[in-house]
Amino acid sequence: MSLRTARTLTALYFVAMAVAVMWPGALVASRIEPWVFGLPFSFFWPALWVGLAVPVLYALDRVEARHRTPDR
């Protein structure tokens, strides 16, 4: 994967995350039931998006590591 593609996909993920956790995207999660890992669904929804940001950023770091020069 090219560096530009990885950065673009990461940026798109964070835009989607922002829409999903703010109004109107959060309307799909504006309920208490079902409970997930002991949290109401409305608490789990943003935690899910933030938790998924970790592997996204890790993947971006791996792609950028392949494009770094050894002298830096």
N, C-alpha and C. Protein backbone atom coordinates (compact mmCIF):
# COMPACT_ATOMS: atom_id res chain seq x y z
N MET A 1 0.85 -1.17 0.00
CA MET A 1 0.00 0.00 0.00
C MET A 1 0.90 1.24 0.00
N SER A 2 0.52 2.21 -0.75
CA SER A 2 1.31 3.43 -0.79
C SER A 2 1.04 4.29 0.44
N LEU A 3 2.00 5.16 0.72
CA LEU A 3 1.89 6.02 1.89
C LEU A 3 0.70 6.96 1.76
N ARG A 4 0.49 7.49 0.58
CA ARG A 4 -0.63 8.40 0.37
C ARG A 4 -1.97 7.71 0.58
N THR A 5 -2.10 6.48 0.09
CA THR A 5 -3.33 5.72 0.27
C THR A 5 -3.59 5.43 1.75
N ALA A 6 -2.54 5.04 2.47
CA ALA A 6 -2.70 4.74 3.90
C ALA A 6 -3.11 5.99 4.67
N ARG A 7 -2.52 7.11 4.36
CA ARG A 7 -2.89 8.35 5.06
C ARG A 7 -4.31 8.78 4.71
N THR A 8 -4.70 8.59 3.46
CA THR A 8 -6.06 8.95 3.05
C THR A 8 -7.09 8.06 3.74
N LEU A 9 -6.82 6.75 3.80
CA LEU A 9 -7.76 5.84 4.47
C LEU A 9 -7.84 6.14 5.97
N THR A 10 -6.73 6.49 6.58
CA THR A 10 -6.74 6.85 8.00
C THR A 10 -7.56 8.11 8.22
N ALA A 11 -7.37 9.10 7.37
CA ALA A 11 -8.15 10.34 7.50
C ALA A 11 -9.64 10.07 7.31
N LEU A 12 -9.98 9.21 6.35
CA LEU A 12 -11.39 8.87 6.13
C LEU A 12 -11.98 8.14 7.34
N TYR A 13 -11.18 7.28 7.97
CA TYR A 13 -11.66 6.59 9.17
C TYR A 13 -11.97 7.61 10.27
N PHE A 14 -11.09 8.58 10.48
CA PHE A 14 -11.32 9.54 11.55
C PHE A 14 -12.48 10.49 11.23
N VAL A 15 -12.72 10.77 9.97
CA VAL A 15 -13.90 11.55 9.61
C VAL A 15 -15.16 10.72 9.88
N ALA A 16 -15.12 9.44 9.51
CA ALA A 16 -16.27 8.56 9.78
C ALA A 16 -16.49 8.42 11.28
N MET A 17 -15.41 8.34 12.05
CA MET A 17 -15.54 8.24 13.49
C MET A 17 -16.19 9.50 14.06
N ALA A 18 -15.77 10.65 13.58
CA ALA A 18 -16.35 11.90 14.08
C ALA A 18 -17.84 11.96 13.78
N VAL A 19 -18.23 11.53 12.60
CA VAL A 19 -19.65 11.54 12.24
C VAL A 19 -20.41 10.52 13.08
N ALA A 20 -19.80 9.37 13.34
CA ALA A 20 -20.49 8.29 14.05
C ALA A 20 -20.72 8.61 15.53
N VAL A 21 -19.86 9.41 16.13
CA VAL A 21 -20.02 9.67 17.56
C VAL A 21 -20.69 11.00 17.84
N MET A 22 -20.94 11.79 16.81
CA MET A 22 -21.65 13.06 16.99
C MET A 22 -23.01 12.96 16.30
N TRP A 23 -23.87 13.94 16.61
CA TRP A 23 -25.16 13.99 15.96
C TRP A 23 -24.96 14.26 14.48
N PRO A 24 -25.62 13.66 13.56
CA PRO A 24 -26.72 12.70 13.64
C PRO A 24 -26.26 11.25 13.64
N GLY A 25 -24.96 11.00 13.51
CA GLY A 25 -24.49 9.62 13.45
C GLY A 25 -24.74 8.84 14.72
N ALA A 26 -24.72 9.51 15.86
CA ALA A 26 -24.92 8.82 17.14
C ALA A 26 -26.38 8.45 17.38
N LEU A 27 -27.28 8.87 16.52
CA LEU A 27 -28.69 8.52 16.70
C LEU A 27 -28.92 7.02 16.59
N VAL A 28 -28.07 6.33 15.82
CA VAL A 28 -28.23 4.88 15.70
C VAL A 28 -27.89 4.18 17.01
N ALA A 29 -27.13 4.85 17.88
CA ALA A 29 -26.72 4.25 19.15
C ALA A 29 -27.38 4.90 20.35
N SER A 30 -28.41 5.68 20.14
CA SER A 30 -29.02 6.42 21.25
C SER A 30 -30.07 5.58 21.97
N ARG A 31 -29.60 4.47 22.50
CA ARG A 31 -30.49 3.61 23.28
C ARG A 31 -29.66 2.93 24.37
N ILE A 32 -30.32 2.45 25.36
CA ILE A 32 -29.63 1.80 26.47
C ILE A 32 -29.46 0.31 26.20
N GLU A 33 -30.48 -0.32 25.70
CA GLU A 33 -30.41 -1.74 25.41
C GLU A 33 -29.84 -1.93 24.02
N PRO A 34 -29.06 -2.89 23.72
CA PRO A 34 -28.54 -3.96 24.54
C PRO A 34 -27.32 -3.51 25.35
N TRP A 35 -27.02 -4.25 26.38
CA TRP A 35 -25.83 -4.00 27.18
C TRP A 35 -24.67 -4.77 26.54
N VAL A 36 -23.54 -4.09 26.36
CA VAL A 36 -22.37 -4.73 25.75
C VAL A 36 -21.21 -4.55 26.71
N PHE A 37 -20.64 -5.65 27.18
CA PHE A 37 -19.53 -5.64 28.15
C PHE A 37 -19.88 -4.81 29.38
N GLY A 38 -21.12 -4.85 29.80
CA GLY A 38 -21.56 -4.13 30.97
C GLY A 38 -21.83 -2.65 30.75
N LEU A 39 -21.75 -2.20 29.53
CA LEU A 39 -22.01 -0.80 29.20
C LEU A 39 -23.31 -0.68 28.41
N PRO A 40 -24.06 0.37 28.63
CA PRO A 40 -25.19 0.62 27.74
C PRO A 40 -24.67 0.86 26.31
N PHE A 41 -25.47 0.53 25.35
CA PHE A 41 -25.02 0.63 23.96
C PHE A 41 -24.58 2.04 23.60
N SER A 42 -25.23 3.05 24.18
CA SER A 42 -24.86 4.43 23.88
C SER A 42 -23.48 4.78 24.42
N PHE A 43 -22.95 4.07 25.41
CA PHE A 43 -21.58 4.26 25.89
C PHE A 43 -20.60 3.41 25.08
N PHE A 44 -21.07 2.21 24.71
CA PHE A 44 -20.22 1.29 23.96
C PHE A 44 -19.90 1.82 22.56
N TRP A 45 -20.84 2.49 21.92
CA TRP A 45 -20.68 2.95 20.54
C TRP A 45 -19.45 3.86 20.38
N PRO A 46 -19.28 4.94 21.14
CA PRO A 46 -18.06 5.74 20.96
C PRO A 46 -16.81 5.01 21.42
N ALA A 47 -16.93 4.16 22.44
CA ALA A 47 -15.76 3.39 22.89
C ALA A 47 -15.29 2.44 21.79
N LEU A 48 -16.23 1.89 21.06
CA LEU A 48 -15.88 1.01 19.94
C LEU A 48 -15.08 1.76 18.89
N TRP A 49 -15.54 2.94 18.50
CA TRP A 49 -14.85 3.72 17.48
C TRP A 49 -13.45 4.14 17.94
N VAL A 50 -13.34 4.55 19.19
CA VAL A 50 -12.02 4.94 19.71
C VAL A 50 -11.11 3.72 19.80
N GLY A 51 -11.66 2.59 20.23
CA GLY A 51 -10.86 1.37 20.31
C GLY A 51 -10.39 0.88 18.95
N LEU A 52 -11.20 1.06 17.93
CA LEU A 52 -10.80 0.66 16.58
C LEU A 52 -9.77 1.61 15.97
N ALA A 53 -9.61 2.78 16.57
CA ALA A 53 -8.60 3.71 16.08
C ALA A 53 -7.19 3.20 16.36
N VAL A 54 -7.03 2.38 17.38
CA VAL A 54 -5.71 1.85 17.73
C VAL A 54 -5.14 0.99 16.60
N PRO A 55 -5.86 -0.03 16.10
CA PRO A 55 -5.29 -0.80 14.99
C PRO A 55 -5.14 0.02 13.70
N VAL A 56 -6.01 0.98 13.50
CA VAL A 56 -5.88 1.83 12.31
C VAL A 56 -4.58 2.63 12.37
N LEU A 57 -4.30 3.22 13.52
CA LEU A 57 -3.06 3.99 13.66
C LEU A 57 -1.84 3.08 13.64
N TYR A 58 -1.95 1.87 14.18
CA TYR A 58 -0.84 0.92 14.12
C TYR A 58 -0.54 0.55 12.67
N ALA A 59 -1.59 0.29 11.89
CA ALA A 59 -1.38 -0.04 10.47
C ALA A 59 -0.74 1.13 9.73
N LEU A 60 -1.17 2.34 10.03
CA LEU A 60 -0.55 3.51 9.40
C LEU A 60 0.93 3.60 9.78
N ASP A 61 1.25 3.33 11.03
CA ASP A 61 2.65 3.36 11.46
C ASP A 61 3.48 2.32 10.74
N ARG A 62 2.93 1.13 10.53
CA ARG A 62 3.67 0.08 9.81
C ARG A 62 3.91 0.49 8.37
N VAL A 63 2.94 1.11 7.73
CA VAL A 63 3.11 1.55 6.34
C VAL A 63 4.15 2.67 6.28
N GLU A 64 4.08 3.61 7.22
CA GLU A 64 5.06 4.69 7.23
C GLU A 64 6.45 4.19 7.55
N ALA A 65 6.57 3.13 8.36
CA ALA A 65 7.88 2.57 8.69
C ALA A 65 8.56 2.00 7.44
N ARG A 66 7.78 1.44 6.54
CA ARG A 66 8.35 0.92 5.31
C ARG A 66 8.85 2.02 4.39
N HIS A 67 8.32 3.23 4.55
CA HIS A 67 8.71 4.33 3.67
C HIS A 67 9.74 5.28 4.29
N ARG A 68 10.11 5.02 5.55
CA ARG A 68 11.14 5.86 6.18
C ARG A 68 12.50 5.51 5.61
N THR A 69 13.36 6.49 5.55
CA THR A 69 14.73 6.23 5.12
C THR A 69 15.55 5.82 6.35
N PRO A 70 16.57 4.99 6.18
CA PRO A 70 17.33 4.50 7.35
C PRO A 70 18.15 5.57 8.05
N ASP A 71 18.44 6.68 7.40
CA ASP A 71 19.28 7.70 8.01
C ASP A 71 18.51 8.64 8.93
N ARG A 72 17.21 8.49 9.05
CA ARG A 72 16.41 9.38 9.92
C ARG A 72 16.28 8.81 11.29
